[in-house]
Amino acid sequence: MPLTLQDMRDDLRDALGVDSDDLPDIKTDKLINRSWLEIQNDFSLREKDSDITINAVADTREYDLADDHESFIRVTICTAEDLREIPLERVEVDEFAENYNSDPDSNAQPTSYTPRYADKIWLNPTPDKAYFVTVYYKSKLPDITSDPAPQRLYDIILYGAIWRGFMQGGDHNRGVSAKAFQSSLIKDHRPQEDKDEKDSRMAGVEVITEENYHR
Protein backbone atom coordinates (compact mmCIF):
# COMPACT_ATOMS: atom_id res chain seq x y z
CA MET A 1 0.00 0.00 0.00
CA PRO A 2 1.55 3.34 -1.03
CA LEU A 3 2.69 5.64 1.73
CA THR A 4 0.68 8.85 1.78
CA LEU A 5 1.16 12.44 2.80
CA GLN A 6 -0.65 11.67 6.06
CA ASP A 7 1.84 8.88 6.76
CA MET A 8 4.66 11.37 6.27
CA ARG A 9 2.99 13.91 8.55
CA ASP A 10 2.61 11.27 11.27
CA ASP A 11 6.20 10.03 10.87
CA LEU A 12 7.49 13.60 11.00
CA ARG A 13 5.61 14.41 14.19
CA ASP A 14 6.76 11.15 15.80
CA ALA A 15 10.39 11.90 14.97
CA LEU A 16 10.15 15.43 16.34
CA GLY A 17 8.22 14.32 19.43
CA VAL A 18 5.26 16.63 18.80
CA ASP A 19 1.56 16.27 18.03
CA SER A 20 -0.83 17.99 15.64
CA ASP A 21 -1.46 20.78 18.13
CA ASP A 22 2.25 21.61 18.26
CA LEU A 23 2.78 21.08 14.52
CA PRO A 24 -0.43 21.42 12.48
CA ASP A 25 -0.72 20.13 8.93
CA ILE A 26 0.09 23.49 7.36
CA LYS A 27 3.49 23.47 9.11
CA THR A 28 4.29 19.81 8.49
CA ASP A 29 3.46 20.29 4.81
CA LYS A 30 5.76 23.30 4.58
CA LEU A 31 8.68 21.29 6.00
CA ILE A 32 7.89 18.34 3.73
CA ASN A 33 7.63 20.42 0.57
CA ARG A 34 10.81 22.37 1.32
CA SER A 35 12.53 19.00 1.49
CA TRP A 36 10.77 17.83 -1.68
CA LEU A 37 11.88 20.92 -3.58
CA GLU A 38 15.49 20.33 -2.57
CA ILE A 39 15.26 16.69 -3.67
CA GLN A 40 13.91 17.73 -7.06
CA ASN A 41 16.91 19.98 -7.55
CA ASP A 42 19.36 17.36 -6.26
CA PHE A 43 18.13 14.34 -8.26
CA SER A 44 17.49 13.92 -11.96
CA LEU A 45 14.07 12.45 -11.28
CA ARG A 46 12.53 10.44 -14.10
CA GLU A 47 9.13 11.79 -12.99
CA LYS A 48 10.28 15.14 -14.34
CA ASP A 49 10.84 13.79 -17.87
CA SER A 50 8.04 15.02 -20.13
CA ASP A 51 7.44 15.82 -23.77
CA ILE A 52 5.07 17.83 -25.90
CA THR A 53 4.56 17.74 -29.66
CA ILE A 54 4.06 21.07 -31.40
CA ASN A 55 2.25 21.16 -34.72
CA ALA A 56 4.41 23.71 -36.47
CA VAL A 57 2.88 25.42 -39.50
CA ALA A 58 4.23 27.39 -42.42
CA ASP A 59 5.34 30.99 -41.83
CA THR A 60 5.16 30.80 -38.01
CA ARG A 61 8.36 30.69 -35.96
CA GLU A 62 7.09 31.16 -32.35
CA TYR A 63 5.26 28.50 -30.32
CA ASP A 64 4.14 28.00 -26.73
CA LEU A 65 5.88 25.58 -24.39
CA ALA A 66 4.02 23.42 -21.87
CA ASP A 67 2.77 25.14 -18.73
CA ASP A 68 4.96 22.91 -16.54
CA HIS A 69 8.11 23.40 -18.63
CA GLU A 70 11.23 23.86 -16.53
CA SER A 71 14.20 23.17 -18.82
CA PHE A 72 14.98 21.62 -22.19
CA ILE A 73 16.38 18.12 -22.64
CA ARG A 74 16.32 18.04 -26.43
CA VAL A 75 14.13 19.12 -29.36
CA THR A 76 13.49 17.09 -32.51
CA ILE A 77 11.63 17.59 -35.78
CA CYS A 78 9.94 15.30 -38.28
CA THR A 79 7.32 15.41 -41.01
CA ALA A 80 4.15 13.45 -41.65
CA GLU A 81 5.96 11.75 -44.53
CA ASP A 82 9.04 10.82 -42.49
CA LEU A 83 8.47 10.27 -38.76
CA ARG A 84 12.13 9.78 -37.91
CA GLU A 85 13.10 12.43 -35.39
CA ILE A 86 15.97 14.74 -36.35
CA PRO A 87 17.58 16.68 -33.47
CA LEU A 88 17.51 20.48 -33.60
CA GLU A 89 20.49 22.51 -32.47
CA ARG A 90 19.99 24.91 -29.58
CA VAL A 91 20.85 28.51 -30.48
CA GLU A 92 20.75 31.34 -27.97
CA VAL A 93 18.89 34.61 -28.62
CA ASP A 94 21.92 36.70 -29.59
CA GLU A 95 23.05 34.22 -32.23
CA PHE A 96 19.48 33.83 -33.47
CA ALA A 97 19.15 37.60 -33.88
CA GLU A 98 22.39 37.78 -35.84
CA ASN A 99 21.36 35.09 -38.32
CA TYR A 100 17.58 35.56 -38.55
CA ASN A 101 16.26 36.13 -42.06
CA SER A 102 12.75 37.57 -42.28
CA ASP A 103 12.46 37.00 -46.02
CA PRO A 104 9.65 34.44 -46.60
CA ASP A 105 11.72 32.95 -49.41
CA SER A 106 14.23 31.78 -46.79
CA ASN A 107 11.62 29.67 -44.98
CA ALA A 108 12.64 26.01 -44.83
CA GLN A 109 12.79 23.00 -42.54
CA PRO A 110 14.00 24.27 -39.14
CA THR A 111 17.46 23.16 -38.09
CA SER A 112 17.66 24.96 -34.73
CA TYR A 113 15.54 26.25 -31.88
CA THR A 114 15.86 29.16 -29.49
CA PRO A 115 14.32 29.41 -26.00
CA ARG A 116 12.38 32.66 -25.75
CA TYR A 117 11.31 33.97 -22.35
CA ALA A 118 10.20 31.15 -20.02
CA ASP A 119 7.33 29.84 -22.10
CA LYS A 120 8.15 30.22 -25.81
CA ILE A 121 10.31 28.56 -28.42
CA TRP A 122 11.48 29.98 -31.75
CA LEU A 123 12.27 27.82 -34.78
CA ASN A 124 14.89 28.75 -37.34
CA PRO A 125 14.56 28.87 -40.26
CA THR A 126 10.86 29.72 -40.05
CA PRO A 127 8.94 26.63 -41.22
CA ASP A 128 8.00 26.46 -44.87
CA LYS A 129 5.31 23.82 -44.27
CA ALA A 130 3.85 21.65 -41.52
CA TYR A 131 6.23 19.84 -39.18
CA PHE A 132 5.99 17.93 -35.92
CA VAL A 133 8.36 19.41 -33.34
CA THR A 134 8.78 17.38 -30.16
CA VAL A 135 10.14 19.13 -27.08
CA TYR A 136 11.58 16.78 -24.48
CA TYR A 137 11.87 18.66 -21.21
CA LYS A 138 12.16 18.60 -17.45
CA SER A 139 8.83 19.51 -15.89
CA LYS A 140 8.00 21.32 -12.67
CA LEU A 141 6.61 18.78 -10.24
CA PRO A 142 3.73 19.88 -8.00
CA ASP A 143 3.94 20.11 -4.23
CA ILE A 144 3.08 17.03 -2.22
CA THR A 145 -0.51 17.71 -1.22
CA SER A 146 -2.35 14.39 -1.20
CA ASP A 147 -0.78 11.99 -3.66
CA PRO A 148 2.28 10.14 -2.37
CA ALA A 149 5.67 11.30 -3.51
CA PRO A 150 7.91 8.80 -5.33
CA GLN A 151 7.94 5.89 -2.91
CA ARG A 152 11.66 5.17 -3.28
CA LEU A 153 12.35 8.71 -2.03
CA TYR A 154 9.96 8.63 0.93
CA ASP A 155 12.65 8.38 3.62
CA ILE A 156 14.89 10.95 1.94
CA ILE A 157 12.05 13.48 1.80
CA LEU A 158 10.99 12.62 5.36
CA TYR A 159 14.46 13.10 6.84
CA GLY A 160 14.83 16.37 4.95
CA ALA A 161 11.71 17.54 6.77
CA ILE A 162 12.92 16.10 10.08
CA TRP A 163 16.25 17.94 10.15
CA ARG A 164 14.52 21.17 9.21
CA GLY A 165 12.02 20.63 12.01
CA PHE A 166 14.77 20.09 14.56
CA MET A 167 16.66 23.16 13.35
CA GLN A 168 13.56 25.33 13.55
CA GLY A 169 12.91 24.05 17.06
CA GLY A 170 16.42 24.96 18.14
CA ASP A 171 17.69 21.37 18.49
CA HIS A 172 20.83 21.83 16.42
CA ASN A 173 22.51 18.54 17.40
CA ARG A 174 19.61 16.35 16.39
CA GLY A 175 19.13 18.46 13.27
CA VAL A 176 22.72 17.82 12.22
CA SER A 177 22.33 14.10 12.95
CA ALA A 178 19.11 13.83 10.90
CA LYS A 179 20.69 15.73 8.02
CA ALA A 180 23.72 13.41 8.05
CA PHE A 181 21.41 10.40 7.89
CA GLN A 182 19.51 11.95 4.98
CA SER A 183 22.84 12.47 3.20
CA SER A 184 23.67 8.78 3.61
CA LEU A 185 20.28 7.82 2.15
CA ILE A 186 20.89 10.11 -0.83
CA LYS A 187 24.32 8.55 -1.40
CA ASP A 188 22.79 5.06 -1.42
CA HIS A 189 20.04 6.06 -3.87
CA ARG A 190 22.08 8.06 -6.35
CA PRO A 191 23.64 5.21 -8.40
CA GLN A 192 20.22 3.74 -9.25
CA GLU A 193 18.72 7.18 -9.83
CA ASP A 194 21.51 8.04 -12.26
CA LYS A 195 20.99 4.74 -14.10
CA ASP A 196 17.25 5.39 -14.33
CA GLU A 197 17.94 8.86 -15.71
CA LYS A 198 20.24 7.49 -18.44
CA ASP A 199 17.75 4.74 -19.36
CA SER A 200 14.91 7.27 -19.48
CA ARG A 201 16.79 9.69 -21.74
CA MET A 202 17.78 6.93 -24.18
CA ALA A 203 14.42 5.15 -24.31
CA GLY A 204 12.95 5.18 -27.79
CA VAL A 205 15.78 7.25 -29.27
CA GLU A 206 16.89 6.27 -32.76
CA VAL A 207 20.41 7.39 -33.53
CA ILE A 208 20.34 9.02 -36.97
CA THR A 209 23.40 8.11 -39.02
CA GLU A 210 24.33 8.95 -42.57
CA GLU A 211 23.43 5.40 -43.57
CA ASN A 212 19.94 5.13 -42.05
CA TYR A 213 19.05 8.77 -42.70
CA HIS A 214 18.99 8.12 -46.45
CA ARG A 215 17.53 4.63 -46.39
C-alpha atoms as a PDB file:
ATOM      1  CA  MET A   1       0.000   0.000   0.000  1.00  0.00           C
ATOM      2  CA  PRO A   2       1.553   3.336  -1.032  1.00  0.00           C
ATOM      3  CA  LEU A   3       2.687   5.642   1.731  1.00  0.00           C
ATOM      4  CA  THR A   4       0.680   8.854   1.777  1.00  0.00           C
ATOM      5  CA  LEU A   5       1.162  12.440   2.805  1.00  0.00           C
ATOM      6  CA  GLN A   6      -0.648  11.668   6.059  1.00  0.00           C
ATOM      7  CA  ASP A   7       1.842   8.885   6.759  1.00  0.00           C
ATOM      8  CA  MET A   8       4.661  11.372   6.268  1.00  0.00           C
ATOM      9  CA  ARG A   9       2.990  13.915   8.554  1.00  0.00           C
ATOM     10  CA  ASP A  10       2.611  11.269  11.267  1.00  0.00           C
ATOM     11  CA  ASP A  11       6.198  10.033  10.872  1.00  0.00           C
ATOM     12  CA  LEU A  12       7.493  13.604  10.996  1.00  0.00           C
ATOM     13  CA  ARG A  13       5.613  14.412  14.186  1.00  0.00           C
ATOM     14  CA  ASP A  14       6.756  11.149  15.804  1.00  0.00           C
ATOM     15  CA  ALA A  15      10.393  11.896  14.969  1.00  0.00           C
ATOM     16  CA  LEU A  16      10.147  15.433  16.336  1.00  0.00           C
ATOM     17  CA  GLY A  17       8.221  14.319  19.430  1.00  0.00           C
ATOM     18  CA  VAL A  18       5.261  16.630  18.801  1.00  0.00           C
ATOM     19  CA  ASP A  19       1.564  16.268  18.034  1.00  0.00           C
ATOM     20  CA  SER A  20      -0.829  17.986  15.642  1.00  0.00           C
ATOM     21  CA  ASP A  21      -1.462  20.780  18.135  1.00  0.00           C
ATOM     22  CA  ASP A  22       2.249  21.608  18.258  1.00  0.00           C
ATOM     23  CA  LEU A  23       2.783  21.080  14.523  1.00  0.00           C
ATOM     24  CA  PRO A  24      -0.433  21.419  12.482  1.00  0.00           C
ATOM     25  CA  ASP A  25      -0.716  20.130   8.928  1.00  0.00           C
ATOM     26  CA  ILE A  26       0.088  23.487   7.360  1.00  0.00           C
ATOM     27  CA  LYS A  27       3.485  23.472   9.110  1.00  0.00           C
ATOM     28  CA  THR A  28       4.292  19.814   8.485  1.00  0.00           C
ATOM     29  CA  ASP A  29       3.460  20.292   4.808  1.00  0.00           C
ATOM     30  CA  LYS A  30       5.757  23.299   4.576  1.00  0.00           C
ATOM     31  CA  LEU A  31       8.677  21.287   5.998  1.00  0.00           C
ATOM     32  CA  ILE A  32       7.891  18.336   3.727  1.00  0.00           C
ATOM     33  CA  ASN A  33       7.632  20.419   0.575  1.00  0.00           C
ATOM     34  CA  ARG A  34      10.807  22.369   1.322  1.00  0.00           C
ATOM     35  CA  SER A  35      12.531  18.995   1.495  1.00  0.00           C
ATOM     36  CA  TRP A  36      10.770  17.829  -1.681  1.00  0.00           C
ATOM     37  CA  LEU A  37      11.884  20.924  -3.583  1.00  0.00           C
ATOM     38  CA  GLU A  38      15.495  20.332  -2.573  1.00  0.00           C
ATOM     39  CA  ILE A  39      15.259  16.687  -3.669  1.00  0.00           C
ATOM     40  CA  GLN A  40      13.906  17.729  -7.065  1.00  0.00           C
ATOM     41  CA  ASN A  41      16.915  19.980  -7.555  1.00  0.00           C
ATOM     42  CA  ASP A  42      19.359  17.362  -6.263  1.00  0.00           C
ATOM     43  CA  PHE A  43      18.125  14.340  -8.255  1.00  0.00           C
ATOM     44  CA  SER A  44      17.494  13.921 -11.963  1.00  0.00           C
ATOM     45  CA  LEU A  45      14.068  12.450 -11.277  1.00  0.00           C
ATOM     46  CA  ARG A  46      12.528  10.435 -14.100  1.00  0.00           C
ATOM     47  CA  GLU A  47       9.135  11.791 -12.990  1.00  0.00           C
ATOM     48  CA  LYS A  48      10.285  15.145 -14.340  1.00  0.00           C
ATOM     49  CA  ASP A  49      10.836  13.787 -17.870  1.00  0.00           C
ATOM     50  CA  SER A  50       8.045  15.015 -20.134  1.00  0.00           C
ATOM     51  CA  ASP A  51       7.443  15.819 -23.770  1.00  0.00           C
ATOM     52  CA  ILE A  52       5.069  17.832 -25.897  1.00  0.00           C
ATOM     53  CA  THR A  53       4.560  17.736 -29.663  1.00  0.00           C
ATOM     54  CA  ILE A  54       4.058  21.066 -31.396  1.00  0.00           C
ATOM     55  CA  ASN A  55       2.246  21.157 -34.725  1.00  0.00           C
ATOM     56  CA  ALA A  56       4.410  23.712 -36.474  1.00  0.00           C
ATOM     57  CA  VAL A  57       2.881  25.418 -39.496  1.00  0.00           C
ATOM     58  CA  ALA A  58       4.235  27.387 -42.423  1.00  0.00           C
ATOM     59  CA  ASP A  59       5.338  30.990 -41.834  1.00  0.00           C
ATOM     60  CA  THR A  60       5.162  30.798 -38.010  1.00  0.00           C
ATOM     61  CA  ARG A  61       8.355  30.689 -35.955  1.00  0.00           C
ATOM     62  CA  GLU A  62       7.094  31.162 -32.346  1.00  0.00           C
ATOM     63  CA  TYR A  63       5.258  28.499 -30.320  1.00  0.00           C
ATOM     64  CA  ASP A  64       4.138  28.003 -26.728  1.00  0.00           C
ATOM     65  CA  LEU A  65       5.878  25.579 -24.385  1.00  0.00           C
ATOM     66  CA  ALA A  66       4.018  23.420 -21.871  1.00  0.00           C
ATOM     67  CA  ASP A  67       2.773  25.145 -18.726  1.00  0.00           C
ATOM     68  CA  ASP A  68       4.956  22.911 -16.544  1.00  0.00           C
ATOM     69  CA  HIS A  69       8.112  23.400 -18.631  1.00  0.00           C
ATOM     70  CA  GLU A  70      11.231  23.862 -16.528  1.00  0.00           C
ATOM     71  CA  SER A  71      14.199  23.169 -18.822  1.00  0.00           C
ATOM     72  CA  PHE A  72      14.981  21.619 -22.190  1.00  0.00           C
ATOM     73  CA  ILE A  73      16.379  18.117 -22.636  1.00  0.00           C
ATOM     74  CA  ARG A  74      16.323  18.045 -26.428  1.00  0.00           C
ATOM     75  CA  VAL A  75      14.130  19.121 -29.356  1.00  0.00           C
ATOM     76  CA  THR A  76      13.492  17.087 -32.506  1.00  0.00           C
ATOM     77  CA  ILE A  77      11.630  17.585 -35.783  1.00  0.00           C
ATOM     78  CA  CYS A  78       9.943  15.301 -38.282  1.00  0.00           C
ATOM     79  CA  THR A  79       7.320  15.406 -41.008  1.00  0.00           C
ATOM     80  CA  ALA A  80       4.152  13.449 -41.646  1.00  0.00           C
ATOM     81  CA  GLU A  81       5.956  11.748 -44.532  1.00  0.00           C
ATOM     82  CA  ASP A  82       9.040  10.815 -42.486  1.00  0.00           C
ATOM     83  CA  LEU A  83       8.475  10.275 -38.761  1.00  0.00           C
ATOM     84  CA  ARG A  84      12.135   9.779 -37.915  1.00  0.00           C
ATOM     85  CA  GLU A  85      13.103  12.433 -35.393  1.00  0.00           C
ATOM     86  CA  ILE A  86      15.971  14.739 -36.347  1.00  0.00           C
ATOM     87  CA  PRO A  87      17.584  16.682 -33.474  1.00  0.00           C
ATOM     88  CA  LEU A  88      17.508  20.478 -33.605  1.00  0.00           C
ATOM     89  CA  GLU A  89      20.493  22.514 -32.472  1.00  0.00           C
ATOM     90  CA  ARG A  90      19.989  24.908 -29.584  1.00  0.00           C
ATOM     91  CA  VAL A  91      20.851  28.511 -30.481  1.00  0.00           C
ATOM     92  CA  GLU A  92      20.748  31.343 -27.975  1.00  0.00           C
ATOM     93  CA  VAL A  93      18.890  34.606 -28.617  1.00  0.00           C
ATOM     94  CA  ASP A  94      21.920  36.699 -29.594  1.00  0.00           C
ATOM     95  CA  GLU A  95      23.050  34.222 -32.229  1.00  0.00           C
ATOM     96  CA  PHE A  96      19.476  33.826 -33.466  1.00  0.00           C
ATOM     97  CA  ALA A  97      19.147  37.600 -33.880  1.00  0.00           C
ATOM     98  CA  GLU A  98      22.394  37.781 -35.839  1.00  0.00           C
ATOM     99  CA  ASN A  99      21.357  35.090 -38.317  1.00  0.00           C
ATOM    100  CA  TYR A 100      17.581  35.556 -38.552  1.00  0.00           C
ATOM    101  CA  ASN A 101      16.258  36.127 -42.062  1.00  0.00           C
ATOM    102  CA  SER A 102      12.749  37.573 -42.282  1.00  0.00           C
ATOM    103  CA  ASP A 103      12.458  36.998 -46.021  1.00  0.00           C
ATOM    104  CA  PRO A 104       9.651  34.437 -46.596  1.00  0.00           C
ATOM    105  CA  ASP A 105      11.721  32.949 -49.412  1.00  0.00           C
ATOM    106  CA  SER A 106      14.229  31.783 -46.789  1.00  0.00           C
ATOM    107  CA  ASN A 107      11.624  29.666 -44.975  1.00  0.00           C
ATOM    108  CA  ALA A 108      12.642  26.010 -44.827  1.00  0.00           C
ATOM    109  CA  GLN A 109      12.787  22.997 -42.535  1.00  0.00           C
ATOM    110  CA  PRO A 110      13.999  24.270 -39.139  1.00  0.00           C
ATOM    111  CA  THR A 111      17.464  23.160 -38.087  1.00  0.00           C
ATOM    112  CA  SER A 112      17.660  24.961 -34.734  1.00  0.00           C
ATOM    113  CA  TYR A 113      15.544  26.250 -31.876  1.00  0.00           C
ATOM    114  CA  THR A 114      15.859  29.160 -29.486  1.00  0.00           C
ATOM    115  CA  PRO A 115      14.319  29.405 -26.000  1.00  0.00           C
ATOM    116  CA  ARG A 116      12.378  32.662 -25.747  1.00  0.00           C
ATOM    117  CA  TYR A 117      11.305  33.968 -22.350  1.00  0.00           C
ATOM    118  CA  ALA A 118      10.204  31.150 -20.023  1.00  0.00           C
ATOM    119  CA  ASP A 119       7.327  29.837 -22.097  1.00  0.00           C
ATOM    120  CA  LYS A 120       8.148  30.215 -25.809  1.00  0.00           C
ATOM    121  CA  ILE A 121      10.306  28.556 -28.423  1.00  0.00           C
ATOM    122  CA  TRP A 122      11.484  29.982 -31.751  1.00  0.00           C
ATOM    123  CA  LEU A 123      12.268  27.824 -34.776  1.00  0.00           C
ATOM    124  CA  ASN A 124      14.887  28.752 -37.337  1.00  0.00           C
ATOM    125  CA  PRO A 125      14.560  28.873 -40.258  1.00  0.00           C
ATOM    126  CA  THR A 126      10.864  29.717 -40.045  1.00  0.00           C
ATOM    127  CA  PRO A 127       8.937  26.628 -41.220  1.00  0.00           C
ATOM    128  CA  ASP A 128       8.004  26.455 -44.869  1.00  0.00           C
ATOM    129  CA  LYS A 129       5.312  23.820 -44.275  1.00  0.00           C
ATOM    130  CA  ALA A 130       3.849  21.648 -41.522  1.00  0.00           C
ATOM    131  CA  TYR A 131       6.227  19.843 -39.177  1.00  0.00           C
ATOM    132  CA  PHE A 132       5.992  17.927 -35.918  1.00  0.00           C
ATOM    133  CA  VAL A 133       8.357  19.411 -33.338  1.00  0.00           C
ATOM    134  CA  THR A 134       8.778  17.385 -30.156  1.00  0.00           C
ATOM    135  CA  VAL A 135      10.139  19.132 -27.080  1.00  0.00           C
ATOM    136  CA  TYR A 136      11.583  16.781 -24.478  1.00  0.00           C
ATOM    137  CA  TYR A 137      11.875  18.657 -21.214  1.00  0.00           C
ATOM    138  CA  LYS A 138      12.165  18.602 -17.454  1.00  0.00           C
ATOM    139  CA  SER A 139       8.833  19.512 -15.891  1.00  0.00           C
ATOM    140  CA  LYS A 140       8.002  21.320 -12.674  1.00  0.00           C
ATOM    141  CA  LEU A 141       6.607  18.783 -10.237  1.00  0.00           C
ATOM    142  CA  PRO A 142       3.734  19.878  -7.995  1.00  0.00           C
ATOM    143  CA  ASP A 143       3.942  20.114  -4.233  1.00  0.00           C
ATOM    144  CA  ILE A 144       3.078  17.025  -2.215  1.00  0.00           C
ATOM    145  CA  THR A 145      -0.512  17.713  -1.221  1.00  0.00           C
ATOM    146  CA  SER A 146      -2.348  14.385  -1.197  1.00  0.00           C
ATOM    147  CA  ASP A 147      -0.784  11.987  -3.664  1.00  0.00           C
ATOM    148  CA  PRO A 148       2.280  10.140  -2.370  1.00  0.00           C
ATOM    149  CA  ALA A 149       5.669  11.304  -3.514  1.00  0.00           C
ATOM    150  CA  PRO A 150       7.905   8.804  -5.327  1.00  0.00           C
ATOM    151  CA  GLN A 151       7.936   5.891  -2.907  1.00  0.00           C
ATOM    152  CA  ARG A 152      11.658   5.169  -3.282  1.00  0.00           C
ATOM    153  CA  LEU A 153      12.350   8.714  -2.026  1.00  0.00           C
ATOM    154  CA  TYR A 154       9.965   8.633   0.933  1.00  0.00           C
ATOM    155  CA  ASP A 155      12.646   8.379   3.620  1.00  0.00           C
ATOM    156  CA  ILE A 156      14.894  10.953   1.940  1.00  0.00           C
ATOM    157  CA  ILE A 157      12.050  13.480   1.802  1.00  0.00           C
ATOM    158  CA  LEU A 158      10.993  12.625   5.358  1.00  0.00           C
ATOM    159  CA  TYR A 159      14.464  13.102   6.837  1.00  0.00           C
ATOM    160  CA  GLY A 160      14.834  16.366   4.948  1.00  0.00           C
ATOM    161  CA  ALA A 161      11.712  17.538   6.775  1.00  0.00           C
ATOM    162  CA  ILE A 162      12.921  16.097  10.082  1.00  0.00           C
ATOM    163  CA  TRP A 163      16.248  17.941  10.147  1.00  0.00           C
ATOM    164  CA  ARG A 164      14.519  21.171   9.209  1.00  0.00           C
ATOM    165  CA  GLY A 165      12.015  20.630  12.014  1.00  0.00           C
ATOM    166  CA  PHE A 166      14.773  20.087  14.565  1.00  0.00           C
ATOM    167  CA  MET A 167      16.661  23.162  13.350  1.00  0.00           C
ATOM    168  CA  GLN A 168      13.556  25.328  13.549  1.00  0.00           C
ATOM    169  CA  GLY A 169      12.913  24.049  17.057  1.00  0.00           C
ATOM    170  CA  GLY A 170      16.424  24.963  18.142  1.00  0.00           C
ATOM    171  CA  ASP A 171      17.694  21.374  18.493  1.00  0.00           C
ATOM    172  CA  HIS A 172      20.830  21.825  16.422  1.00  0.00           C
ATOM    173  CA  ASN A 173      22.506  18.539  17.399  1.00  0.00           C
ATOM    174  CA  ARG A 174      19.609  16.345  16.386  1.00  0.00           C
ATOM    175  CA  GLY A 175      19.130  18.457  13.272  1.00  0.00           C
ATOM    176  CA  VAL A 176      22.721  17.821  12.218  1.00  0.00           C
ATOM    177  CA  SER A 177      22.332  14.105  12.946  1.00  0.00           C
ATOM    178  CA  ALA A 178      19.114  13.829  10.897  1.00  0.00           C
ATOM    179  CA  LYS A 179      20.694  15.734   8.021  1.00  0.00           C
ATOM    180  CA  ALA A 180      23.719  13.410   8.053  1.00  0.00           C
ATOM    181  CA  PHE A 181      21.406  10.400   7.892  1.00  0.00           C
ATOM    182  CA  GLN A 182      19.512  11.950   4.983  1.00  0.00           C
ATOM    183  CA  SER A 183      22.839  12.468   3.199  1.00  0.00           C
ATOM    184  CA  SER A 184      23.674   8.779   3.605  1.00  0.00           C
ATOM    185  CA  LEU A 185      20.277   7.825   2.154  1.00  0.00           C
ATOM    186  CA  ILE A 186      20.895  10.112  -0.830  1.00  0.00           C
ATOM    187  CA  LYS A 187      24.316   8.552  -1.400  1.00  0.00           C
ATOM    188  CA  ASP A 188      22.787   5.061  -1.418  1.00  0.00           C
ATOM    189  CA  HIS A 189      20.036   6.060  -3.866  1.00  0.00           C
ATOM    190  CA  ARG A 190      22.078   8.056  -6.354  1.00  0.00           C
ATOM    191  CA  PRO A 191      23.643   5.206  -8.400  1.00  0.00           C
ATOM    192  CA  GLN A 192      20.216   3.745  -9.247  1.00  0.00           C
ATOM    193  CA  GLU A 193      18.723   7.181  -9.828  1.00  0.00           C
ATOM    194  CA  ASP A 194      21.507   8.042 -12.262  1.00  0.00           C
ATOM    195  CA  LYS A 195      20.991   4.741 -14.102  1.00  0.00           C
ATOM    196  CA  ASP A 196      17.248   5.392 -14.333  1.00  0.00           C
ATOM    197  CA  GLU A 197      17.936   8.864 -15.712  1.00  0.00           C
ATOM    198  CA  LYS A 198      20.236   7.486 -18.441  1.00  0.00           C
ATOM    199  CA  ASP A 199      17.753   4.741 -19.362  1.00  0.00           C
ATOM    200  CA  SER A 200      14.907   7.271 -19.484  1.00  0.00           C
ATOM    201  CA  ARG A 201      16.792   9.686 -21.741  1.00  0.00           C
ATOM    202  CA  MET A 202      17.780   6.929 -24.177  1.00  0.00           C
ATOM    203  CA  ALA A 203      14.420   5.150 -24.308  1.00  0.00           C
ATOM    204  CA  GLY A 204      12.949   5.179 -27.794  1.00  0.00           C
ATOM    205  CA  VAL A 205      15.781   7.247 -29.267  1.00  0.00           C
ATOM    206  CA  GLU A 206      16.891   6.266 -32.757  1.00  0.00           C
ATOM    207  CA  VAL A 207      20.408   7.387 -33.534  1.00  0.00           C
ATOM    208  CA  ILE A 208      20.335   9.018 -36.966  1.00  0.00           C
ATOM    209  CA  THR A 209      23.401   8.109 -39.017  1.00  0.00           C
ATOM    210  CA  GLU A 210      24.334   8.946 -42.571  1.00  0.00           C
ATOM    211  CA  GLU A 211      23.433   5.398 -43.569  1.00  0.00           C
ATOM    212  CA  ASN A 212      19.943   5.131 -42.045  1.00  0.00           C
ATOM    213  CA  TYR A 213      19.048   8.773 -42.704  1.00  0.00           C
ATOM    214  CA  HIS A 214      18.986   8.116 -46.453  1.00  0.00           C
ATOM    215  CA  ARG A 215      17.529   4.631 -46.393  1.00  0.00           C
END
